[in-house]
Amino acid sequence: MKDVELQRKLQEDEAERKRNEKEAYERSKQIRLEKQRLEAAQEIFLEEKEKVRRLLVQQEEQEAKERAERMLKEKAEREARARIESEKREKDRMEKLRKIIKVSNSLEREQVISK
């Protein structure tokens, strides 16, 4: 009788061990799957992070380009205004010189006539 009980106990222990091994295998399998999901999620996150970084760099480059273009335009406008002012001053100076020459010529004629 003891042999039968001992045999049954051994069979129960073996069945328990197999159940435990199966549960351990399933837990291990679930852990591996979860690890794979986490690694995939991390890879996606890193890819998205890189996309955002590239977009930010692109945006900064575009803003720098726009600033440079705006500065060049403002410089060109300042130079154009300065050139126009210079031309206007030169024109005014030439006009004054013409008037002076005209007055000078008139005075010379009057002096010649009065002699």
C-alpha atoms as a PDB file:
ATOM      1  CA  MET A   1       0.000   0.000   0.000  1.00  0.00           C
ATOM      2  CA  LYS A   2       2.792   2.320   0.847  1.00  0.00           C
ATOM      3  CA  ASP A   3       4.303   1.689  -2.565  1.00  0.00           C
ATOM      4  CA  VAL A   4       1.035   2.708  -4.209  1.00  0.00           C
ATOM      5  CA  GLU A   5       0.848   5.868  -2.111  1.00  0.00           C
ATOM      6  CA  LEU A   6       4.486   6.580  -2.764  1.00  0.00           C
ATOM      7  CA  GLN A   7       3.955   6.011  -6.487  1.00  0.00           C
ATOM      8  CA  ARG A   8       0.886   8.293  -6.461  1.00  0.00           C
ATOM      9  CA  LYS A   9       2.848  10.942  -4.542  1.00  0.00           C
ATOM     10  CA  LEU A  10       5.676  10.722  -7.081  1.00  0.00           C
ATOM     11  CA  GLN A  11       3.186  11.071  -9.932  1.00  0.00           C
ATOM     12  CA  GLU A  12       1.572  14.090  -8.236  1.00  0.00           C
ATOM     13  CA  ASP A  13       4.976  15.633  -7.649  1.00  0.00           C
ATOM     14  CA  GLU A  14       5.921  14.986 -11.291  1.00  0.00           C
ATOM     15  CA  ALA A  15       2.637  16.500 -12.483  1.00  0.00           C
ATOM     16  CA  GLU A  16       3.209  19.517 -10.191  1.00  0.00           C
ATOM     17  CA  ARG A  17       6.739  19.914 -11.521  1.00  0.00           C
ATOM     18  CA  LYS A  18       5.491  19.791 -15.122  1.00  0.00           C
ATOM     19  CA  ARG A  19       2.775  22.365 -14.337  1.00  0.00           C
ATOM     20  CA  ASN A  20       5.387  24.605 -12.719  1.00  0.00           C
ATOM     21  CA  GLU A  21       7.714  24.211 -15.705  1.00  0.00           C
ATOM     22  CA  LYS A  22       4.847  24.992 -18.092  1.00  0.00           C
ATOM     23  CA  GLU A  23       3.865  28.084 -16.074  1.00  0.00           C
ATOM     24  CA  ALA A  24       7.504  29.207 -15.931  1.00  0.00           C
ATOM     25  CA  TYR A  25       7.802  28.709 -19.697  1.00  0.00           C
ATOM     26  CA  GLU A  26       4.606  30.722 -20.303  1.00  0.00           C
ATOM     27  CA  ARG A  27       5.810  33.509 -17.970  1.00  0.00           C
ATOM     28  CA  SER A  28       9.170  33.537 -19.730  1.00  0.00           C
ATOM     29  CA  LYS A  29       7.411  33.661 -23.097  1.00  0.00           C
ATOM     30  CA  GLN A  30       5.210  36.574 -21.933  1.00  0.00           C
ATOM     31  CA  ILE A  31       8.265  38.407 -20.605  1.00  0.00           C
ATOM     32  CA  ARG A  32      10.076  37.965 -23.934  1.00  0.00           C
ATOM     33  CA  LEU A  33       7.024  39.237 -25.852  1.00  0.00           C
ATOM     34  CA  GLU A  34       6.683  42.234 -23.539  1.00  0.00           C
ATOM     35  CA  LYS A  35      10.386  42.961 -23.909  1.00  0.00           C
ATOM     36  CA  GLN A  36      10.034  42.830 -27.713  1.00  0.00           C
ATOM     37  CA  ARG A  37       7.033  45.190 -27.551  1.00  0.00           C
ATOM     38  CA  LEU A  38       8.978  47.590 -25.338  1.00  0.00           C
ATOM     39  CA  GLU A  39      11.989  47.491 -27.660  1.00  0.00           C
ATOM     40  CA  ALA A  40       9.753  48.152 -30.671  1.00  0.00           C
ATOM     41  CA  ALA A  41       8.034  51.026 -28.843  1.00  0.00           C
ATOM     42  CA  GLN A  42      11.427  52.454 -27.868  1.00  0.00           C
ATOM     43  CA  GLU A  43      12.629  52.221 -31.471  1.00  0.00           C
ATOM     44  CA  ILE A  44       9.503  54.018 -32.693  1.00  0.00           C
ATOM     45  CA  PHE A  45       9.994  56.655 -29.999  1.00  0.00           C
ATOM     46  CA  LEU A  46      13.618  57.209 -31.030  1.00  0.00           C
ATOM     47  CA  GLU A  47      12.630  57.451 -34.708  1.00  0.00           C
ATOM     48  CA  GLU A  48       9.938  60.014 -33.878  1.00  0.00           C
ATOM     49  CA  LYS A  49      12.381  61.912 -31.683  1.00  0.00           C
ATOM     50  CA  GLU A  50      14.855  62.056 -34.580  1.00  0.00           C
ATOM     51  CA  LYS A  51      12.112  63.259 -36.945  1.00  0.00           C
ATOM     52  CA  VAL A  52      11.220  66.039 -34.512  1.00  0.00           C
ATOM     53  CA  ARG A  53      14.890  66.977 -34.154  1.00  0.00           C
ATOM     54  CA  ARG A  54      15.308  67.148 -37.944  1.00  0.00           C
ATOM     55  CA  LEU A  55      12.160  69.257 -38.240  1.00  0.00           C
ATOM     56  CA  LEU A  56      13.432  71.635 -35.572  1.00  0.00           C
ATOM     57  CA  VAL A  57      16.797  71.945 -37.314  1.00  0.00           C
ATOM     58  CA  GLN A  58      15.025  72.537 -40.621  1.00  0.00           C
ATOM     59  CA  GLN A  59      12.797  75.170 -39.008  1.00  0.00           C
ATOM     60  CA  GLU A  60      15.805  76.912 -37.436  1.00  0.00           C
ATOM     61  CA  GLU A  61      17.609  76.898 -40.794  1.00  0.00           C
ATOM     62  CA  GLN A  62      14.527  78.345 -42.508  1.00  0.00           C
ATOM     63  CA  GLU A  63      14.209  81.066 -39.853  1.00  0.00           C
ATOM     64  CA  ALA A  64      17.918  81.905 -40.203  1.00  0.00           C
ATOM     65  CA  LYS A  65      17.529  82.085 -43.983  1.00  0.00           C
ATOM     66  CA  GLU A  66      14.492  84.358 -43.656  1.00  0.00           C
ATOM     67  CA  ARG A  67      16.376  86.593 -41.179  1.00  0.00           C
ATOM     68  CA  ALA A  68      19.340  86.824 -43.553  1.00  0.00           C
ATOM     69  CA  GLU A  69      17.062  87.647 -46.494  1.00  0.00           C
ATOM     70  CA  ARG A  70      15.256  90.292 -44.427  1.00  0.00           C
ATOM     71  CA  MET A  71      18.562  91.812 -43.339  1.00  0.00           C
ATOM     72  CA  LEU A  72      19.817  91.914 -46.939  1.00  0.00           C
ATOM     73  CA  LYS A  73      16.578  93.531 -48.075  1.00  0.00           C
ATOM     74  CA  GLU A  74      16.766  96.134 -45.297  1.00  0.00           C
ATOM     75  CA  LYS A  75      20.412  96.838 -46.171  1.00  0.00           C
ATOM     76  CA  ALA A  76      19.535  97.233 -49.859  1.00  0.00           C
ATOM     77  CA  GLU A  77      16.682  99.596 -48.934  1.00  0.00           C
ATOM     78  CA  ARG A  78      18.994 101.670 -46.698  1.00  0.00           C
ATOM     79  CA  GLU A  79      21.609 101.832 -49.444  1.00  0.00           C
ATOM     80  CA  ALA A  80      18.966 102.828 -52.008  1.00  0.00           C
ATOM     81  CA  ARG A  81      17.633 105.583 -49.723  1.00  0.00           C
ATOM     82  CA  ALA A  82      21.184 106.792 -49.081  1.00  0.00           C
ATOM     83  CA  ARG A  83      21.940 106.795 -52.829  1.00  0.00           C
ATOM     84  CA  ILE A  84      18.731 108.707 -53.571  1.00  0.00           C
ATOM     85  CA  GLU A  85      19.564 111.242 -50.844  1.00  0.00           C
ATOM     86  CA  SER A  86      23.110 111.583 -52.175  1.00  0.00           C
ATOM     87  CA  GLU A  87      21.828 112.074 -55.722  1.00  0.00           C
ATOM     88  CA  LYS A  88      19.324 114.652 -54.472  1.00  0.00           C
ATOM     89  CA  ARG A  89      22.055 116.532 -52.578  1.00  0.00           C
ATOM     90  CA  GLU A  90      24.271 116.412 -55.680  1.00  0.00           C
ATOM     91  CA  LYS A  91      21.414 117.681 -57.846  1.00  0.00           C
ATOM     92  CA  ASP A  92      20.698 120.498 -55.362  1.00  0.00           C
ATOM     93  CA  ARG A  93      24.405 121.392 -55.275  1.00  0.00           C
ATOM     94  CA  MET A  94      24.570 121.452 -59.077  1.00  0.00           C
ATOM     95  CA  GLU A  95      21.463 123.631 -59.199  1.00  0.00           C
ATOM     96  CA  LYS A  96      23.029 126.055 -56.712  1.00  0.00           C
ATOM     97  CA  LEU A  97      26.226 126.114 -58.786  1.00  0.00           C
ATOM     98  CA  ARG A  98      24.184 126.872 -61.939  1.00  0.00           C
ATOM     99  CA  LYS A  99      22.464 129.741 -60.148  1.00  0.00           C
ATOM    100  CA  ILE A 100      25.811 131.057 -58.906  1.00  0.00           C
ATOM    101  CA  ILE A 101      27.271 130.809 -62.420  1.00  0.00           C
ATOM    102  CA  LYS A 102      24.182 132.485 -63.854  1.00  0.00           C
ATOM    103  CA  VAL A 103      24.398 135.310 -61.327  1.00  0.00           C
ATOM    104  CA  SER A 104      28.156 135.549 -61.918  1.00  0.00           C
ATOM    105  CA  ASN A 105      27.639 135.728 -65.677  1.00  0.00           C
ATOM    106  CA  SER A 106      24.953 138.369 -65.210  1.00  0.00           C
ATOM    107  CA  LEU A 107      27.280 140.401 -63.017  1.00  0.00           C
ATOM    108  CA  GLU A 108      30.086 140.096 -65.573  1.00  0.00           C
ATOM    109  CA  ARG A 109      27.758 141.269 -68.342  1.00  0.00           C
ATOM    110  CA  GLU A 110      26.648 144.214 -66.258  1.00  0.00           C
ATOM    111  CA  GLN A 111      30.261 145.121 -65.552  1.00  0.00           C
ATOM    112  CA  VAL A 112      31.121 144.869 -69.258  1.00  0.00           C
ATOM    113  CA  ILE A 113      28.069 146.951 -70.193  1.00  0.00           C
ATOM    114  CA  SER A 114      28.800 149.542 -67.542  1.00  0.00           C
ATOM    115  CA  LYS A 115      32.361 150.013 -68.782  1.00  0.00           C
END
